[in-house]
Amino acid sequence: MEERMWDRKRIRALRRHLGLTQAQLASDLGVRQQTVSEWETGQYEPRGTSVTLLRIVAERARFDYGGQEDEQG
């Protein structure tokens, strides 16, 4: 359920909120730049550990990604 929160628009918005390039965000998450690009174009969605890392990065940056409502519900 948490995976669906991370659609292409939210991932791009998080990256821009952080002021990072795709390559920089990829490095922070331990994935390839191409992977971030594929997420942002909607070709693929993040799964597993990547979802957890996106959530952690978002929370540390105080980025509202919609996670609180789903975790409580």
C-alpha atoms as a PDB file:
ATOM      1  CA  MET A   1       0.000   0.000   0.000  1.00  0.00           C
ATOM      2  CA  GLU A   2       2.854   2.365   0.792  1.00  0.00           C
ATOM      3  CA  GLU A   3       4.357   1.648  -2.633  1.00  0.00           C
ATOM      4  CA  ARG A   4       1.387   3.239  -4.397  1.00  0.00           C
ATOM      5  CA  MET A   5       2.071   6.537  -2.629  1.00  0.00           C
ATOM      6  CA  TRP A   6       5.228   6.900  -4.661  1.00  0.00           C
ATOM      7  CA  ASP A   7       3.917   7.708  -8.101  1.00  0.00           C
ATOM      8  CA  ARG A   8       6.009   9.525 -10.687  1.00  0.00           C
ATOM      9  CA  LYS A   9       4.772  12.981  -9.682  1.00  0.00           C
ATOM     10  CA  ARG A  10       5.615  12.531  -6.005  1.00  0.00           C
ATOM     11  CA  ILE A  11       9.071  11.178  -6.744  1.00  0.00           C
ATOM     12  CA  ARG A  12       9.869  14.109  -9.030  1.00  0.00           C
ATOM     13  CA  ALA A  13       8.410  16.564  -6.497  1.00  0.00           C
ATOM     14  CA  LEU A  14      10.546  15.062  -3.718  1.00  0.00           C
ATOM     15  CA  ARG A  15      13.680  15.269  -5.836  1.00  0.00           C
ATOM     16  CA  ARG A  16      12.979  18.903  -6.724  1.00  0.00           C
ATOM     17  CA  HIS A  17      12.154  19.701  -3.089  1.00  0.00           C
ATOM     18  CA  LEU A  18      15.579  18.350  -2.182  1.00  0.00           C
ATOM     19  CA  GLY A  19      17.243  20.300  -5.009  1.00  0.00           C
ATOM     20  CA  LEU A  20      18.857  17.145  -6.391  1.00  0.00           C
ATOM     21  CA  THR A  21      19.491  15.797  -9.850  1.00  0.00           C
ATOM     22  CA  GLN A  22      18.297  12.317 -10.739  1.00  0.00           C
ATOM     23  CA  ALA A  23      21.876  11.097 -10.384  1.00  0.00           C
ATOM     24  CA  GLN A  24      22.219  12.612  -6.916  1.00  0.00           C
ATOM     25  CA  LEU A  25      18.949  11.137  -5.660  1.00  0.00           C
ATOM     26  CA  ALA A  26      19.907   7.795  -7.171  1.00  0.00           C
ATOM     27  CA  SER A  27      23.212   7.882  -5.319  1.00  0.00           C
ATOM     28  CA  ASP A  28      21.460   8.698  -2.034  1.00  0.00           C
ATOM     29  CA  LEU A  29      19.069   5.768  -2.527  1.00  0.00           C
ATOM     30  CA  GLY A  30      21.672   3.313  -3.817  1.00  0.00           C
ATOM     31  CA  VAL A  31      20.035   2.880  -7.220  1.00  0.00           C
ATOM     32  CA  ARG A  32      21.012   3.808 -10.770  1.00  0.00           C
ATOM     33  CA  GLN A  33      20.123   7.182 -12.286  1.00  0.00           C
ATOM     34  CA  GLN A  34      18.214   5.275 -14.947  1.00  0.00           C
ATOM     35  CA  THR A  35      16.032   3.771 -12.214  1.00  0.00           C
ATOM     36  CA  VAL A  36      15.052   7.218 -10.914  1.00  0.00           C
ATOM     37  CA  SER A  37      14.342   8.290 -14.487  1.00  0.00           C
ATOM     38  CA  GLU A  38      12.112   5.246 -15.005  1.00  0.00           C
ATOM     39  CA  TRP A  39      10.220   6.031 -11.801  1.00  0.00           C
ATOM     40  CA  GLU A  40       9.711   9.645 -12.856  1.00  0.00           C
ATOM     41  CA  THR A  41       8.414   8.688 -16.291  1.00  0.00           C
ATOM     42  CA  GLY A  42       6.073   6.081 -14.824  1.00  0.00           C
ATOM     43  CA  GLN A  43       7.794   3.205 -16.595  1.00  0.00           C
ATOM     44  CA  TYR A  44       8.356   1.473 -13.249  1.00  0.00           C
ATOM     45  CA  GLU A  45       7.347   2.083  -9.641  1.00  0.00           C
ATOM     46  CA  PRO A  46       9.694   1.790  -6.676  1.00  0.00           C
ATOM     47  CA  ARG A  47       9.379  -1.381  -4.612  1.00  0.00           C
ATOM     48  CA  GLY A  48      10.690  -2.857  -1.402  1.00  0.00           C
ATOM     49  CA  THR A  49      13.671  -1.137   0.145  1.00  0.00           C
ATOM     50  CA  SER A  50      13.461   1.761  -2.309  1.00  0.00           C
ATOM     51  CA  VAL A  51      10.006   2.637  -0.971  1.00  0.00           C
ATOM     52  CA  THR A  52      11.315   2.628   2.586  1.00  0.00           C
ATOM     53  CA  LEU A  53      14.287   4.800   1.645  1.00  0.00           C
ATOM     54  CA  LEU A  54      12.065   7.281  -0.219  1.00  0.00           C
ATOM     55  CA  ARG A  55       9.885   7.561   2.886  1.00  0.00           C
ATOM     56  CA  ILE A  56      12.892   8.145   5.150  1.00  0.00           C
ATOM     57  CA  VAL A  57      14.357  10.776   2.822  1.00  0.00           C
ATOM     58  CA  ALA A  58      10.969  12.505   2.540  1.00  0.00           C
ATOM     59  CA  GLU A  59      10.422  12.564   6.295  1.00  0.00           C
ATOM     60  CA  ARG A  60      13.892  13.939   6.981  1.00  0.00           C
ATOM     61  CA  ALA A  61      13.296  16.668   4.391  1.00  0.00           C
ATOM     62  CA  ARG A  62       9.864  17.401   5.879  1.00  0.00           C
ATOM     63  CA  PHE A  63       8.311  16.642   2.501  1.00  0.00           C
ATOM     64  CA  ASP A  64       4.584  15.904   2.647  1.00  0.00           C
ATOM     65  CA  TYR A  65       4.202  12.722   0.630  1.00  0.00           C
ATOM     66  CA  GLY A  66       0.898  11.610   2.130  1.00  0.00           C
ATOM     67  CA  GLY A  67       2.372   8.864   4.291  1.00  0.00           C
ATOM     68  CA  GLN A  68       0.821   9.770   7.637  1.00  0.00           C
ATOM     69  CA  GLU A  69      -2.785   9.199   6.595  1.00  0.00           C
ATOM     70  CA  ASP A  70      -2.151   5.758   5.130  1.00  0.00           C
ATOM     71  CA  GLU A  71      -0.051   4.591   8.057  1.00  0.00           C
ATOM     72  CA  GLN A  72      -2.798   5.495  10.533  1.00  0.00           C
ATOM     73  CA  GLY A  73      -5.669   4.148   8.417  1.00  0.00           C
END
